[in-house]
């Protein structure tokens, strides 16, 4: 199965919203209430890569995000 042209991926340099709770629920086995994290974080997309699982050819996307509040401090980049 292929993702095809109907999918939508974020573009490098765009701003996206990261939802930490959804991420933690996907990768962890303990309650999110143990952490003092915001419900959402506005982030800058620094990189987008498509991958496929070797055994199943299942396609997934890896997105590198940096919180928007830290972009100008970590990288000398102006995306505007």
C-alpha atoms as a PDB file:
ATOM      1  CA  UNK A   1       0.000   0.000   0.000  1.00  0.00           C
ATOM      2  CA  UNK A   2       1.264   3.473  -0.823  1.00  0.00           C
ATOM      3  CA  UNK A   3       0.432   6.815   0.813  1.00  0.00           C
ATOM      4  CA  UNK A   4      -0.134   8.376  -2.583  1.00  0.00           C
ATOM      5  CA  UNK A   5      -0.921  11.953  -3.551  1.00  0.00           C
ATOM      6  CA  UNK A   6      -3.803  12.375  -1.081  1.00  0.00           C
ATOM      7  CA  UNK A   7      -1.596  12.862   1.973  1.00  0.00           C
ATOM      8  CA  UNK A   8      -0.517  16.237   3.287  1.00  0.00           C
ATOM      9  CA  UNK A   9       2.890  16.775   4.908  1.00  0.00           C
ATOM     10  CA  UNK A  10       4.215  19.889   6.623  1.00  0.00           C
ATOM     11  CA  UNK A  11       6.744  21.887   4.631  1.00  0.00           C
ATOM     12  CA  UNK A  12      10.203  22.845   5.893  1.00  0.00           C
ATOM     13  CA  UNK A  13      10.093  26.254   7.519  1.00  0.00           C
ATOM     14  CA  UNK A  14       6.369  26.130   8.254  1.00  0.00           C
ATOM     15  CA  UNK A  15       4.867  26.392  11.722  1.00  0.00           C
ATOM     16  CA  UNK A  16       3.086  23.336  13.074  1.00  0.00           C
ATOM     17  CA  UNK A  17       1.390  22.501  16.364  1.00  0.00           C
ATOM     18  CA  UNK A  18       2.945  19.696  18.418  1.00  0.00           C
ATOM     19  CA  UNK A  19       0.608  17.880  20.823  1.00  0.00           C
ATOM     20  CA  UNK A  20       2.812  16.351  23.551  1.00  0.00           C
ATOM     21  CA  UNK A  21       0.004  14.377  25.217  1.00  0.00           C
ATOM     22  CA  UNK A  22      -0.799  12.513  22.001  1.00  0.00           C
ATOM     23  CA  UNK A  23       2.884  11.742  21.482  1.00  0.00           C
ATOM     24  CA  UNK A  24       3.336  10.429  25.034  1.00  0.00           C
ATOM     25  CA  UNK A  25       0.176   8.322  24.799  1.00  0.00           C
ATOM     26  CA  UNK A  26       1.547   6.750  21.626  1.00  0.00           C
ATOM     27  CA  UNK A  27       5.042   5.916  22.929  1.00  0.00           C
ATOM     28  CA  UNK A  28       4.654   5.452  26.703  1.00  0.00           C
ATOM     29  CA  UNK A  29       2.786   3.192  29.086  1.00  0.00           C
ATOM     30  CA  UNK A  30       2.261   5.604  31.973  1.00  0.00           C
ATOM     31  CA  UNK A  31      -0.164   8.475  32.652  1.00  0.00           C
ATOM     32  CA  UNK A  32       0.657  11.885  31.223  1.00  0.00           C
ATOM     33  CA  UNK A  33      -0.454  13.563  34.475  1.00  0.00           C
ATOM     34  CA  UNK A  34       3.020  12.864  35.887  1.00  0.00           C
ATOM     35  CA  UNK A  35       4.435  15.650  33.703  1.00  0.00           C
ATOM     36  CA  UNK A  36       4.027  19.403  33.787  1.00  0.00           C
ATOM     37  CA  UNK A  37       3.832  20.029  30.040  1.00  0.00           C
ATOM     38  CA  UNK A  38       1.686  22.373  27.958  1.00  0.00           C
ATOM     39  CA  UNK A  39      -1.222  20.932  25.924  1.00  0.00           C
ATOM     40  CA  UNK A  40       0.300  22.242  22.675  1.00  0.00           C
ATOM     41  CA  UNK A  41       3.545  23.805  21.445  1.00  0.00           C
ATOM     42  CA  UNK A  42       3.944  25.924  18.320  1.00  0.00           C
ATOM     43  CA  UNK A  43       7.001  24.605  16.467  1.00  0.00           C
ATOM     44  CA  UNK A  44       9.017  25.338  13.346  1.00  0.00           C
ATOM     45  CA  UNK A  45       9.448  22.406  10.945  1.00  0.00           C
ATOM     46  CA  UNK A  46      13.171  21.960  10.296  1.00  0.00           C
ATOM     47  CA  UNK A  47      13.098  18.719   8.314  1.00  0.00           C
ATOM     48  CA  UNK A  48      10.630  16.195   6.860  1.00  0.00           C
ATOM     49  CA  UNK A  49      11.646  12.689   5.799  1.00  0.00           C
ATOM     50  CA  UNK A  50       9.546   9.847   4.409  1.00  0.00           C
ATOM     51  CA  UNK A  51      10.436   6.293   5.391  1.00  0.00           C
ATOM     52  CA  UNK A  52       9.066   2.804   4.733  1.00  0.00           C
ATOM     53  CA  UNK A  53       9.185  -0.193   7.082  1.00  0.00           C
ATOM     54  CA  UNK A  54      11.329  -2.906   5.519  1.00  0.00           C
ATOM     55  CA  UNK A  55       9.015  -5.831   6.245  1.00  0.00           C
ATOM     56  CA  UNK A  56       5.673  -4.250   5.450  1.00  0.00           C
ATOM     57  CA  UNK A  57       6.486  -1.216   3.262  1.00  0.00           C
ATOM     58  CA  UNK A  58       4.297   0.785   5.652  1.00  0.00           C
ATOM     59  CA  UNK A  59       5.038   4.457   4.974  1.00  0.00           C
ATOM     60  CA  UNK A  60       5.618   6.930   7.786  1.00  0.00           C
ATOM     61  CA  UNK A  61       6.929  10.449   8.122  1.00  0.00           C
ATOM     62  CA  UNK A  62       9.654  11.714  10.455  1.00  0.00           C
ATOM     63  CA  UNK A  63       9.341  15.427  11.250  1.00  0.00           C
ATOM     64  CA  UNK A  64      12.039  17.420  13.064  1.00  0.00           C
ATOM     65  CA  UNK A  65      10.437  20.184  15.132  1.00  0.00           C
ATOM     66  CA  UNK A  66      11.910  22.973  17.260  1.00  0.00           C
ATOM     67  CA  UNK A  67       9.709  25.094  19.545  1.00  0.00           C
ATOM     68  CA  UNK A  68       9.113  28.431  17.839  1.00  0.00           C
ATOM     69  CA  UNK A  69      10.305  30.274  20.958  1.00  0.00           C
ATOM     70  CA  UNK A  70      13.741  28.610  20.590  1.00  0.00           C
ATOM     71  CA  UNK A  71      14.292  28.782  16.814  1.00  0.00           C
ATOM     72  CA  UNK A  72      16.142  32.077  16.687  1.00  0.00           C
ATOM     73  CA  UNK A  73      18.276  31.179  19.712  1.00  0.00           C
ATOM     74  CA  UNK A  74      19.348  27.733  18.493  1.00  0.00           C
ATOM     75  CA  UNK A  75      19.712  28.524  14.803  1.00  0.00           C
ATOM     76  CA  UNK A  76      20.758  31.721  13.114  1.00  0.00           C
ATOM     77  CA  UNK A  77      17.855  31.351  10.684  1.00  0.00           C
ATOM     78  CA  UNK A  78      15.082  33.739   9.758  1.00  0.00           C
ATOM     79  CA  UNK A  79      12.230  31.886   8.040  1.00  0.00           C
ATOM     80  CA  UNK A  80      10.167  35.018   7.356  1.00  0.00           C
END
